[in-house]
Amino acid sequence: MADPAYRLIDQEAAWQTLLPQIRGASALAVDMEADGFHRYPEQVALIQVGLPDGRLLLLDPLALKDLSGLGEALADPKLLTVFHSASYDVRALDRDFGFHIGALYDTSIAAQLLGLERTGLANVLLEILGVEMDNKSKRLQRMDWSIRPLPEDAMAYAADDVAWLLALQEALAARIAALGRQAWVAEECRRLSEVRHEAPAPPEAACLTMKGARDLSPRGRAVLRELIIFREAEALAMGRPPHYVMHNQAMLTLAEAPDTPIDRIQGIGRRTLGRRGCELRAALARGKAAPPLPWPKPAGRNPWTPEARDRLTALKRWRQAEADRLALSAGLIWPARHLDQVALWPDRPPRELDLGEPSWIRDWQWAELGESLMRFLAQQGWTASPTGG
């Protein structure tokens, strides 16, 4: 794909001139770039907007101090906002600006519900529109989007991601309609539009979630906890991601052997070894002096009996058969968490076992597959009546 024409909007006067045109559009293509590979905490550093007339706008949120008009436009239920793989974008818009989407369409969701196996933007554009995107440069994928001025090739790269989104949405919507799956896409997109940013868990909680933490001794986990707290404070002070301070493996190595000289540990940043070496040694000392941190014991007995595992295997066979019938990925057919609950509690009505908030099971899944599931459960003799759900 040739580099699309674009316009960088980093002046308030130009932005205020364009805003009525954005508000009056029938649809917008939206994408964004953040600086999370290089800055901490990350922030949205560029917002790409494609208009129905083909214009591509690159909005600079670091320069434009009042983007509330964009938020009002995105919240308008009469204005269709098209993304590809919007999960991050929806959360980032909420986190950084408090913006929410009134009418969202995710072309990645539509592609999945069409049964496409490869749903990255380049793959979907090629299969649906025959448009071939240029190979994405690894350098541009990981560049620091907060630098100014942005290089021309970076801006062209960013604009490329929205250049064909509106045409792609129209083509996908037509194919979805031909299969009668409009309600499926609409529900998935509505649910996605309601997602909000959630504050991350306290950094010290990672001493129980970091890969490798379980293998440490209780004393080692206490040291790891202090190292994580130290790293988070340093990352915030530097404005750099935590791995700039110290890699996970370096922390695990120190937690296991806290008396090892820190200059012998690979994966510790030069600034950390130099200017902050004393603080790092103090964190190690606090961890060694802290009470041991045992691994939490599981609550109650393990409910996964051999019989329950056999039921889950049978339920997965049912799900795969339905996936084959609809030519979809099994993961789209029915939530795995609900199948777990049914396998564990086969005598309870399936609807009572949907413990999600919002519900795990979509309305379209119940409508399309609910009767099939109930018949399957009845055939297995796991429910008293097919009407019990």
Protein backbone atom coordinates (compact mmCIF):
# COMPACT_ATOMS: atom_id res chain seq x y z
CA MET A 1 0.00 0.00 0.00
CA ALA A 2 1.35 3.42 -0.90
CA ASP A 3 1.80 5.84 1.97
CA PRO A 4 -1.56 7.61 2.43
CA ALA A 5 -1.83 11.38 2.48
CA TYR A 6 -2.36 12.69 5.99
CA ARG A 7 -2.49 15.94 7.89
CA LEU A 8 -0.91 16.47 11.29
CA ILE A 9 -3.13 18.52 13.60
CA ASP A 10 -1.07 20.04 16.41
CA GLN A 11 -2.41 23.60 16.46
CA GLU A 12 -5.56 24.62 18.32
CA ALA A 13 -6.83 26.82 15.49
CA ALA A 14 -6.63 24.01 12.93
CA TRP A 15 -8.28 21.61 15.37
CA GLN A 16 -11.20 23.92 16.09
CA THR A 17 -11.72 24.39 12.34
CA LEU A 18 -11.86 20.63 11.73
CA LEU A 19 -13.99 19.73 14.73
CA PRO A 20 -17.39 20.54 13.13
CA GLN A 21 -16.50 18.28 10.21
CA ILE A 22 -15.69 15.44 12.59
CA ARG A 23 -18.92 15.97 14.51
CA GLY A 24 -20.90 16.01 11.27
CA ALA A 25 -19.39 12.82 9.86
CA SER A 26 -21.45 9.65 9.54
CA ALA A 27 -18.49 7.48 10.54
CA LEU A 28 -14.91 7.76 11.75
CA ALA A 29 -12.00 5.36 11.57
CA VAL A 30 -9.91 5.62 14.73
CA ASP A 31 -6.61 4.20 15.93
CA MET A 32 -3.97 5.44 18.33
CA GLU A 33 -0.34 5.09 19.26
CA ALA A 34 0.98 5.13 22.82
CA ASP A 35 4.48 5.53 24.23
CA GLY A 36 4.44 2.51 26.55
CA PHE A 37 7.66 0.99 25.21
CA HIS A 38 9.61 4.05 26.33
CA ARG A 39 7.59 6.05 28.91
CA TYR A 40 6.00 5.24 32.25
CA PRO A 41 3.20 5.49 32.95
CA GLU A 42 2.27 5.30 29.31
CA GLN A 43 -0.04 7.75 27.60
CA VAL A 44 -1.72 8.07 24.22
CA ALA A 45 0.68 10.10 22.06
CA LEU A 46 -1.13 10.14 18.70
CA ILE A 47 -4.75 9.68 17.61
CA GLN A 48 -5.40 8.77 13.97
CA VAL A 49 -8.80 9.65 12.50
CA GLY A 50 -10.05 8.68 9.06
CA LEU A 51 -13.02 10.57 7.56
CA PRO A 52 -15.53 9.21 5.01
CA ASP A 53 -14.15 11.53 2.32
CA GLY A 54 -10.74 9.87 2.63
CA ARG A 55 -8.98 12.53 4.68
CA LEU A 56 -6.60 11.19 7.32
CA LEU A 57 -5.95 13.30 10.40
CA LEU A 58 -3.20 12.77 12.93
CA LEU A 59 -4.21 14.47 16.18
CA ASP A 60 -1.41 15.32 18.58
CA PRO A 61 -2.85 15.00 22.12
CA LEU A 62 0.44 16.21 23.57
CA ALA A 63 -0.04 19.55 21.83
CA LEU A 64 -3.83 19.91 21.71
CA LYS A 65 -4.95 20.82 25.19
CA ASP A 66 -8.71 20.54 24.67
CA LEU A 67 -9.89 17.38 22.94
CA SER A 68 -13.31 17.40 24.61
CA GLY A 69 -14.96 17.97 21.24
CA LEU A 70 -13.53 14.69 20.00
CA GLY A 71 -14.89 12.95 23.08
CA GLU A 72 -18.35 14.37 22.41
CA ALA A 73 -18.21 13.16 18.82
CA LEU A 74 -17.09 9.65 19.80
CA ALA A 75 -19.90 9.43 22.37
CA ASP A 76 -22.57 10.26 19.76
CA PRO A 77 -24.61 7.07 19.13
CA LYS A 78 -25.39 8.32 15.61
CA LEU A 79 -21.70 8.47 14.66
CA LEU A 80 -20.18 5.06 13.92
CA THR A 81 -16.63 4.76 15.24
CA VAL A 82 -14.64 2.01 13.54
CA PHE A 83 -11.60 0.39 15.13
CA HIS A 84 -9.60 -2.74 14.46
CA SER A 85 -8.91 -4.64 17.71
CA ALA A 86 -10.34 -1.92 19.93
CA SER A 87 -9.80 -3.49 23.35
CA TYR A 88 -6.72 -1.41 24.15
CA ASP A 89 -8.06 1.73 22.46
CA VAL A 90 -11.31 1.74 24.44
CA ARG A 91 -9.43 1.42 27.72
CA ALA A 92 -6.82 4.01 26.78
CA LEU A 93 -9.42 6.57 25.71
CA ASP A 94 -11.16 6.12 29.05
CA ARG A 95 -7.91 6.22 31.04
CA ASP A 96 -6.32 9.26 29.42
CA PHE A 97 -9.32 11.37 28.41
CA GLY A 98 -12.49 9.93 29.96
CA PHE A 99 -13.84 9.33 26.43
CA HIS A 100 -16.40 6.60 25.70
CA ILE A 101 -17.74 5.26 22.41
CA GLY A 102 -21.43 5.63 21.58
CA ALA A 103 -21.49 3.39 18.47
CA LEU A 104 -18.46 1.14 18.13
CA TYR A 105 -17.68 -1.25 15.28
CA ASP A 106 -14.62 -3.45 15.61
CA THR A 107 -13.55 -4.95 12.29
CA SER A 108 -11.51 -7.57 14.14
CA ILE A 109 -14.67 -8.84 15.85
CA ALA A 110 -16.51 -8.95 12.52
CA ALA A 111 -13.64 -10.86 10.94
CA GLN A 112 -13.66 -13.42 13.76
CA LEU A 113 -17.43 -13.91 13.50
CA LEU A 114 -17.06 -14.45 9.76
CA GLY A 115 -14.73 -17.32 10.56
CA LEU A 116 -11.52 -15.76 9.28
CA GLU A 117 -8.54 -17.57 10.75
CA ARG A 118 -6.08 -14.66 10.56
CA THR A 119 -7.63 -11.48 11.90
CA GLY A 120 -4.74 -9.01 12.05
CA LEU A 121 -5.48 -5.85 10.10
CA ALA A 122 -3.10 -6.63 7.24
CA ASN A 123 -4.54 -10.13 6.82
CA VAL A 124 -8.16 -8.96 6.88
CA LEU A 125 -7.52 -6.13 4.42
CA LEU A 126 -5.87 -8.53 2.02
CA GLU A 127 -8.60 -11.17 2.25
CA ILE A 128 -11.61 -8.85 2.19
CA LEU A 129 -10.49 -5.91 0.05
CA GLY A 130 -7.43 -7.30 -1.72
CA VAL A 131 -5.41 -4.43 -0.26
CA GLU A 132 -1.84 -5.25 0.67
CA MET A 133 -0.30 -3.22 3.46
CA ASP A 134 3.40 -2.52 3.50
CA ASN A 135 5.36 -4.66 5.94
CA LYS A 136 5.35 -2.99 9.33
CA SER A 137 8.80 -1.95 10.41
CA LYS A 138 9.83 -3.35 13.79
CA ARG A 139 11.53 -0.02 14.47
CA LEU A 140 8.29 1.87 13.94
CA GLN A 141 6.25 -0.61 15.95
CA ARG A 142 8.44 0.04 18.98
CA MET A 143 9.28 3.69 18.46
CA ASP A 144 8.81 6.38 21.07
CA TRP A 145 5.60 8.06 19.92
CA SER A 146 6.06 10.91 22.40
CA ILE A 147 9.09 12.35 20.60
CA ARG A 148 8.55 15.57 18.67
CA PRO A 149 8.76 16.21 15.84
CA LEU A 150 7.55 12.80 14.70
CA PRO A 151 9.46 11.43 11.70
CA GLU A 152 7.59 11.46 8.39
CA ASP A 153 7.80 7.69 8.01
CA ALA A 154 6.29 7.24 11.48
CA MET A 155 3.34 9.49 10.66
CA ALA A 156 2.77 7.65 7.37
CA TYR A 157 2.91 4.35 9.27
CA ALA A 158 0.29 5.59 11.74
CA ALA A 159 -2.02 7.00 9.06
CA ASP A 160 -1.86 3.70 7.19
CA ASP A 161 -3.76 1.98 10.00
CA VAL A 162 -6.95 3.98 9.40
CA ALA A 163 -6.70 4.55 5.65
CA TRP A 164 -8.91 1.59 4.69
CA LEU A 165 -10.89 0.97 7.87
CA LEU A 166 -14.19 2.52 6.73
CA ALA A 167 -14.17 0.61 3.44
CA LEU A 168 -13.28 -2.55 5.33
CA GLN A 169 -16.17 -2.04 7.75
CA GLU A 170 -18.66 -1.74 4.90
CA ALA A 171 -17.38 -4.89 3.21
CA LEU A 172 -17.36 -6.89 6.44
CA ALA A 173 -20.84 -5.68 7.41
CA ALA A 174 -22.20 -6.89 4.06
CA ARG A 175 -20.72 -10.35 4.58
CA ILE A 176 -21.96 -10.49 8.16
CA ALA A 177 -25.47 -9.57 6.96
CA ALA A 178 -25.36 -12.34 4.36
CA LEU A 179 -24.81 -14.82 7.20
CA GLY A 180 -27.46 -13.25 9.42
CA ARG A 181 -24.94 -12.50 12.14
CA GLN A 182 -25.51 -8.76 12.52
CA ALA A 183 -26.84 -9.17 16.07
CA TRP A 184 -23.75 -11.17 17.01
CA VAL A 185 -21.38 -8.41 15.93
CA ALA A 186 -23.58 -5.69 17.42
CA GLU A 187 -23.63 -7.36 20.83
CA GLU A 188 -19.89 -8.00 20.91
CA CYS A 189 -19.17 -4.41 19.88
CA ARG A 190 -21.61 -3.00 22.43
CA ARG A 191 -20.01 -5.03 25.21
CA LEU A 192 -16.58 -3.86 24.14
CA SER A 193 -17.71 -0.24 24.12
CA GLU A 194 -18.71 -0.61 27.78
CA VAL A 195 -15.25 -1.74 28.90
CA ARG A 196 -13.41 0.72 31.13
CA HIS A 197 -9.83 1.12 32.24
CA GLU A 198 -9.09 -0.64 35.52
CA ALA A 199 -6.36 0.58 37.80
CA PRO A 200 -3.53 -1.97 37.91
CA ALA A 201 -2.99 -4.05 41.01
CA PRO A 202 -0.46 -2.67 43.49
CA PRO A 203 3.05 -3.50 42.24
CA GLU A 204 3.79 -5.59 45.30
CA ALA A 205 0.99 -7.97 44.28
CA ALA A 206 3.28 -9.15 41.48
CA CYS A 207 5.31 -11.10 44.02
CA LEU A 208 2.51 -13.67 43.80
CA THR A 209 1.75 -13.36 40.08
CA MET A 210 5.15 -12.94 38.42
CA LYS A 211 6.26 -16.01 36.51
CA GLY A 212 8.82 -17.80 38.68
CA ALA A 213 7.64 -16.33 41.99
CA ARG A 214 6.01 -19.57 43.04
CA ASP A 215 9.35 -21.37 42.81
CA LEU A 216 10.95 -19.04 45.36
CA SER A 217 11.18 -19.74 49.06
CA PRO A 218 8.96 -17.68 51.39
CA ARG A 219 12.06 -15.64 52.25
CA GLY A 220 12.80 -15.16 48.55
CA ARG A 221 9.27 -13.90 47.91
CA ALA A 222 9.67 -11.33 50.71
CA VAL A 223 12.82 -10.07 48.98
CA LEU A 224 11.06 -10.07 45.62
CA ARG A 225 8.25 -7.96 47.06
CA GLU A 226 10.69 -5.25 48.17
CA LEU A 227 12.48 -5.33 44.82
CA ILE A 228 9.19 -4.85 42.99
CA ILE A 229 8.28 -1.87 45.19
CA PHE A 230 11.74 -0.39 44.57
CA ARG A 231 11.48 -0.91 40.81
CA GLU A 232 8.06 0.70 40.58
CA ALA A 233 9.20 3.79 42.47
CA GLU A 234 12.29 4.10 40.27
CA ALA A 235 10.28 3.63 37.07
CA LEU A 236 7.89 6.41 38.06
CA ALA A 237 10.75 8.72 39.04
CA MET A 238 12.53 8.10 35.74
CA GLY A 239 9.39 8.13 33.63
CA ARG A 240 10.62 4.89 32.07
CA PRO A 241 9.02 1.41 31.94
CA PRO A 242 10.00 -0.92 34.81
CA HIS A 243 12.21 -3.08 32.60
CA TYR A 244 14.52 -0.08 32.13
CA VAL A 245 15.19 -0.28 35.86
CA MET A 246 15.51 -4.04 36.24
CA HIS A 247 14.27 -7.07 34.34
CA ASN A 248 12.05 -9.66 36.00
CA GLN A 249 14.72 -12.36 35.78
CA ALA A 250 17.23 -10.12 37.55
CA MET A 251 14.78 -9.63 40.41
CA LEU A 252 14.13 -13.36 40.65
CA THR A 253 17.86 -14.06 40.71
CA LEU A 254 18.42 -11.53 43.49
CA ALA A 255 15.41 -12.80 45.43
CA GLU A 256 16.85 -16.29 45.34
CA ALA A 257 20.37 -15.14 46.28
CA PRO A 258 20.11 -11.64 47.80
CA ASP A 259 23.76 -11.56 48.87
CA THR A 260 25.00 -11.75 45.27
CA PRO A 261 26.87 -8.54 44.30
CA ILE A 262 24.43 -6.55 42.22
CA ASP A 263 27.03 -5.74 39.56
CA ARG A 264 27.18 -9.46 38.73
CA ILE A 265 23.48 -9.67 37.90
CA GLN A 266 22.46 -9.32 34.27
CA GLY A 267 19.36 -7.27 33.52
CA ILE A 268 19.87 -4.35 35.90
CA GLY A 269 19.91 -0.94 34.24
CA ARG A 270 23.12 1.09 34.30
CA ARG A 271 21.43 3.98 36.11
CA THR A 272 20.13 1.55 38.73
CA LEU A 273 23.60 0.13 39.31
CA GLY A 274 25.17 3.56 39.40
CA ARG A 275 23.09 6.30 40.97
CA ARG A 276 20.55 4.03 42.64
CA GLY A 277 22.75 1.18 43.79
CA CYS A 278 22.44 2.16 47.47
CA GLU A 279 18.65 2.21 47.24
CA LEU A 280 18.66 -1.21 45.58
CA ARG A 281 20.84 -2.64 48.34
CA ALA A 282 18.51 -1.11 50.92
CA ALA A 283 15.55 -2.83 49.25
CA LEU A 284 17.40 -6.14 49.43
CA ALA A 285 18.09 -5.56 53.13
CA ARG A 286 14.43 -4.77 53.81
CA GLY A 287 13.38 -7.94 52.06
CA LYS A 288 15.82 -10.07 54.04
CA ALA A 289 14.52 -8.55 57.29
CA ALA A 290 10.83 -8.82 56.38
CA PRO A 291 8.65 -11.74 57.51
CA PRO A 292 8.70 -14.66 55.05
CA LEU A 293 5.93 -14.58 52.47
CA PRO A 294 4.46 -18.08 52.02
CA TRP A 295 2.56 -19.10 48.93
CA PRO A 296 -1.21 -18.82 49.55
CA LYS A 297 -2.91 -22.11 50.23
CA PRO A 298 -5.87 -22.97 47.99
CA ALA A 299 -9.24 -22.44 49.63
CA GLY A 300 -11.05 -25.71 50.24
CA ARG A 301 -10.54 -28.99 48.46
CA ASN A 302 -9.85 -29.33 44.77
CA PRO A 303 -13.28 -29.77 43.10
CA TRP A 304 -11.80 -31.27 39.95
CA THR A 305 -12.58 -34.93 40.44
CA PRO A 306 -11.91 -37.41 37.61
CA GLU A 307 -15.66 -37.37 36.88
CA ALA A 308 -15.70 -33.58 36.57
CA ARG A 309 -12.75 -33.69 34.20
CA ASP A 310 -14.53 -36.27 32.06
CA ARG A 311 -17.59 -34.02 31.92
CA LEU A 312 -15.43 -31.08 30.84
CA THR A 313 -13.88 -33.16 28.07
CA ALA A 314 -17.35 -34.06 26.83
CA LEU A 315 -18.47 -30.42 26.96
CA LYS A 316 -15.44 -29.37 24.94
CA ARG A 317 -16.36 -31.98 22.33
CA TRP A 318 -19.84 -30.44 22.12
CA ARG A 319 -18.35 -26.98 21.73
CA GLN A 320 -15.97 -28.13 19.00
CA ALA A 321 -18.80 -29.79 17.09
CA GLU A 322 -20.76 -26.53 17.14
CA ALA A 323 -17.66 -24.61 16.10
CA ASP A 324 -17.23 -26.92 13.12
CA ARG A 325 -20.90 -26.47 12.19
CA LEU A 326 -20.64 -22.68 12.24
CA ALA A 327 -17.07 -22.57 10.85
CA LEU A 328 -15.90 -20.51 13.83
CA SER A 329 -13.15 -20.77 16.40
CA ALA A 330 -14.23 -22.86 19.39
CA GLY A 331 -13.31 -19.99 21.71
CA LEU A 332 -16.10 -17.89 20.16
CA ILE A 333 -18.76 -20.54 20.56
CA TRP A 334 -19.08 -20.74 24.34
CA PRO A 335 -17.12 -19.33 27.30
CA ALA A 336 -14.67 -21.81 28.75
CA ARG A 337 -15.37 -20.51 32.27
CA HIS A 338 -19.01 -21.49 31.95
CA LEU A 339 -18.14 -24.97 30.69
CA ASP A 340 -15.95 -25.36 33.78
CA GLN A 341 -18.89 -24.50 36.03
CA VAL A 342 -21.23 -26.89 34.22
CA ALA A 343 -18.66 -29.68 34.50
CA LEU A 344 -18.27 -29.04 38.24
CA TRP A 345 -21.99 -28.62 39.01
CA PRO A 346 -23.88 -30.66 36.40
CA ASP A 347 -27.11 -30.86 38.43
CA ARG A 348 -27.61 -27.08 38.47
CA PRO A 349 -29.40 -25.11 35.72
CA PRO A 350 -26.75 -23.74 33.34
CA ARG A 351 -28.02 -20.16 33.52
CA GLU A 352 -27.40 -20.13 37.28
CA LEU A 353 -23.77 -21.03 36.60
CA ASP A 354 -23.09 -17.91 34.54
CA LEU A 355 -21.24 -16.04 37.29
CA GLY A 356 -19.87 -13.23 35.15
CA GLU A 357 -20.58 -9.54 35.59
CA PRO A 358 -21.34 -8.80 32.85
CA SER A 359 -22.52 -12.27 31.98
CA TRP A 360 -20.02 -14.63 30.40
CA ILE A 361 -22.54 -15.90 27.88
CA ARG A 362 -23.75 -13.55 25.17
CA ASP A 363 -27.39 -13.27 24.16
CA TRP A 364 -26.48 -14.42 20.67
CA GLN A 365 -24.81 -17.52 22.08
CA TRP A 366 -27.91 -18.47 24.07
CA ALA A 367 -30.12 -17.82 21.05
CA GLU A 368 -27.95 -19.77 18.62
CA LEU A 369 -26.61 -22.55 20.85
CA GLY A 370 -28.66 -22.69 24.05
CA GLU A 371 -31.05 -25.42 22.88
CA SER A 372 -28.15 -27.47 21.56
CA LEU A 373 -26.40 -27.27 24.93
CA MET A 374 -29.53 -28.24 26.84
CA ARG A 375 -30.12 -31.23 24.56
CA PHE A 376 -26.54 -32.31 25.05
CA LEU A 377 -26.81 -32.06 28.84
CA ALA A 378 -30.07 -34.02 28.82
CA GLN A 379 -28.52 -36.72 26.65
CA GLN A 380 -25.68 -37.03 29.13
CA GLY A 381 -28.19 -37.36 31.97
CA TRP A 382 -26.69 -34.38 33.81
CA THR A 383 -29.89 -32.31 34.10
CA ALA A 384 -33.36 -33.18 35.27
CA SER A 385 -35.06 -31.40 32.38
CA PRO A 386 -34.01 -29.61 29.18
CA THR A 387 -36.13 -26.67 30.40
CA GLY A 388 -34.10 -26.29 33.57
CA GLY A 389 -31.83 -23.63 32.02
